């Protein structure tokens, strides 16, 4: 089985309609905050994969981990999605939407948002938490 990432991103909201059309709202790679720790009320991690050469019926287990700049896992219970895969010679696309609520970012810096497939890190997206600059108005 060969897996290729089509995309991995973070956004404010992700919707899937009745026709399986994906809508992404507010894609971002940085969070601006005046202080840490900073609580982010809601974010979505969205991925789409192309999977080839599925030789036997199997499941795929997808999850997300987020690590702080100092290497600490900041999601207490990482979300997990399990999906069945069909036997196909052709490519099969698999999409996943992870909603993460009330996530606490303990420090400024670069965070690793890891997509984990079958308990192995597959791909990383970098999310920056940066100090918001205050403007002096005279």
Protein backbone atom coordinates (compact mmCIF):
# COMPACT_ATOMS: atom_id res chain seq x y z
CA UNK A 1 0.00 0.00 0.00
CA UNK A 2 1.39 3.39 -1.06
CA UNK A 3 0.12 6.57 0.62
CA UNK A 4 0.59 10.07 -0.77
CA UNK A 5 -0.44 13.30 0.97
CA UNK A 6 -2.64 15.55 -1.15
CA UNK A 7 -2.92 18.15 1.62
CA UNK A 8 -2.62 18.66 5.37
CA UNK A 9 -3.77 21.98 6.85
CA UNK A 10 -5.26 23.78 9.83
CA UNK A 11 -8.36 25.95 9.56
CA UNK A 12 -11.14 27.59 11.55
CA UNK A 13 -13.89 25.35 10.18
CA UNK A 14 -14.34 22.44 7.78
CA UNK A 15 -17.64 21.26 6.34
CA UNK A 16 -18.59 18.24 4.26
CA UNK A 17 -21.86 18.51 2.35
CA UNK A 18 -24.23 15.72 1.25
CA UNK A 19 -22.27 15.30 -2.00
CA UNK A 20 -18.94 14.91 -0.15
CA UNK A 21 -17.77 18.35 -1.22
CA UNK A 22 -15.33 19.82 1.29
CA UNK A 23 -15.46 23.49 2.31
CA UNK A 24 -12.57 24.96 4.27
CA UNK A 25 -12.95 28.25 6.13
CA UNK A 26 -10.08 30.35 7.46
CA UNK A 27 -6.97 28.33 6.60
CA UNK A 28 -4.05 29.47 8.75
CA UNK A 29 -0.48 28.60 9.73
CA UNK A 30 -0.04 31.03 12.63
CA UNK A 31 -1.92 32.08 15.74
CA UNK A 32 -1.29 35.58 17.09
CA UNK A 33 -1.74 36.09 20.82
CA UNK A 34 -0.69 38.67 23.36
CA UNK A 35 0.26 36.11 26.02
CA UNK A 36 0.78 32.43 26.69
CA UNK A 37 -0.64 30.09 27.69
CA UNK A 38 -3.25 30.85 25.03
CA UNK A 39 -6.53 28.99 24.63
CA UNK A 40 -7.78 28.47 21.09
CA UNK A 41 -11.49 27.65 21.21
CA UNK A 42 -11.78 25.55 18.07
CA UNK A 43 -9.58 24.45 15.20
CA UNK A 44 -9.75 21.81 12.53
CA UNK A 45 -6.93 19.68 11.13
CA UNK A 46 -7.87 18.46 7.65
CA UNK A 47 -6.03 15.95 5.50
CA UNK A 48 -6.59 14.25 2.17
CA UNK A 49 -4.59 11.20 1.08
CA UNK A 50 -4.29 9.11 -2.07
CA UNK A 51 -3.83 5.43 -1.36
CA UNK A 52 -2.69 3.00 -4.05
CA UNK A 53 -2.13 -0.73 -4.33
CA UNK A 54 -4.54 -1.94 -1.68
CA UNK A 55 -4.09 -5.71 -1.90
CA UNK A 56 -6.38 -6.83 0.92
CA UNK A 57 -9.33 -5.48 2.85
CA UNK A 58 -7.97 -3.46 5.71
CA UNK A 59 -8.66 -0.50 7.96
CA UNK A 60 -6.65 2.66 8.15
CA UNK A 61 -6.26 4.41 11.50
CA UNK A 62 -5.66 8.16 11.38
CA UNK A 63 -4.92 10.47 14.28
CA UNK A 64 -3.44 13.88 15.05
CA UNK A 65 -0.81 14.84 17.59
CA UNK A 66 0.34 18.38 18.36
CA UNK A 67 3.72 18.96 20.00
CA UNK A 68 4.87 22.24 21.57
CA UNK A 69 8.27 23.78 20.75
CA UNK A 70 9.65 22.11 23.90
CA UNK A 71 8.40 18.71 22.68
CA UNK A 72 5.34 18.21 24.89
CA UNK A 73 2.19 16.62 23.47
CA UNK A 74 -0.54 19.22 24.06
CA UNK A 75 -3.63 17.13 23.18
CA UNK A 76 -4.56 14.93 26.14
CA UNK A 77 -6.64 12.47 24.09
CA UNK A 78 -5.66 12.72 20.41
CA UNK A 79 -8.64 12.21 18.09
CA UNK A 80 -8.69 8.96 16.12
CA UNK A 81 -10.56 8.04 12.93
CA UNK A 82 -10.69 4.45 11.61
CA UNK A 83 -11.80 3.89 8.03
CA UNK A 84 -12.15 0.69 6.01
CA UNK A 85 -10.28 0.50 2.71
CA UNK A 86 -11.52 -1.45 -0.27
CA UNK A 87 -9.37 -3.74 -2.39
CA UNK A 88 -8.60 -1.70 -5.51
CA UNK A 89 -5.94 -1.53 -8.15
CA UNK A 90 -6.76 2.12 -8.70
CA UNK A 91 -6.15 5.03 -6.36
CA UNK A 92 -8.50 5.55 -3.42
CA UNK A 93 -8.81 8.99 -1.82
CA UNK A 94 -9.29 9.22 1.92
CA UNK A 95 -10.16 12.45 3.65
CA UNK A 96 -10.28 13.17 7.36
CA UNK A 97 -11.45 16.10 9.44
CA UNK A 98 -10.32 16.40 13.05
CA UNK A 99 -12.05 18.97 15.25
CA UNK A 100 -10.01 20.03 18.27
CA UNK A 101 -11.72 22.17 20.90
CA UNK A 102 -10.26 24.32 23.67
CA UNK A 103 -6.64 23.61 22.90
CA UNK A 104 -4.11 25.29 25.16
CA UNK A 105 -0.87 26.51 23.59
CA UNK A 106 1.58 26.82 26.50
CA UNK A 107 4.38 28.76 24.78
CA UNK A 108 5.32 30.87 21.78
CA UNK A 109 7.08 29.15 18.89
CA UNK A 110 6.69 26.45 16.26
CA UNK A 111 4.34 23.54 16.95
CA UNK A 112 4.40 20.25 15.06
CA UNK A 113 0.95 19.10 13.93
CA UNK A 114 1.52 15.43 13.09
CA UNK A 115 -0.76 13.27 10.98
CA UNK A 116 -0.33 9.74 12.30
CA UNK A 117 -1.31 6.74 10.17
CA UNK A 118 -1.53 3.29 11.75
CA UNK A 119 0.41 4.54 14.80
CA UNK A 120 3.32 5.95 12.74
CA UNK A 121 4.01 9.63 12.09
CA UNK A 122 3.27 10.22 8.41
CA UNK A 123 3.42 13.97 7.81
CA UNK A 124 3.98 17.19 9.78
CA UNK A 125 2.44 20.63 9.40
CA UNK A 126 4.12 23.51 11.26
CA UNK A 127 1.85 25.87 13.19
CA UNK A 128 3.37 29.01 14.71
CA UNK A 129 2.12 30.63 17.90
CA UNK A 130 3.55 34.13 17.89
CA UNK A 131 3.39 37.16 20.09
CA UNK A 132 0.96 39.74 18.80
CA UNK A 133 2.63 43.11 18.46
CA UNK A 134 0.73 45.96 20.09
CA UNK A 135 0.50 49.18 18.17
CA UNK A 136 1.15 52.52 19.80
CA UNK A 137 -1.43 55.07 18.77
CA UNK A 138 -0.36 58.71 19.23
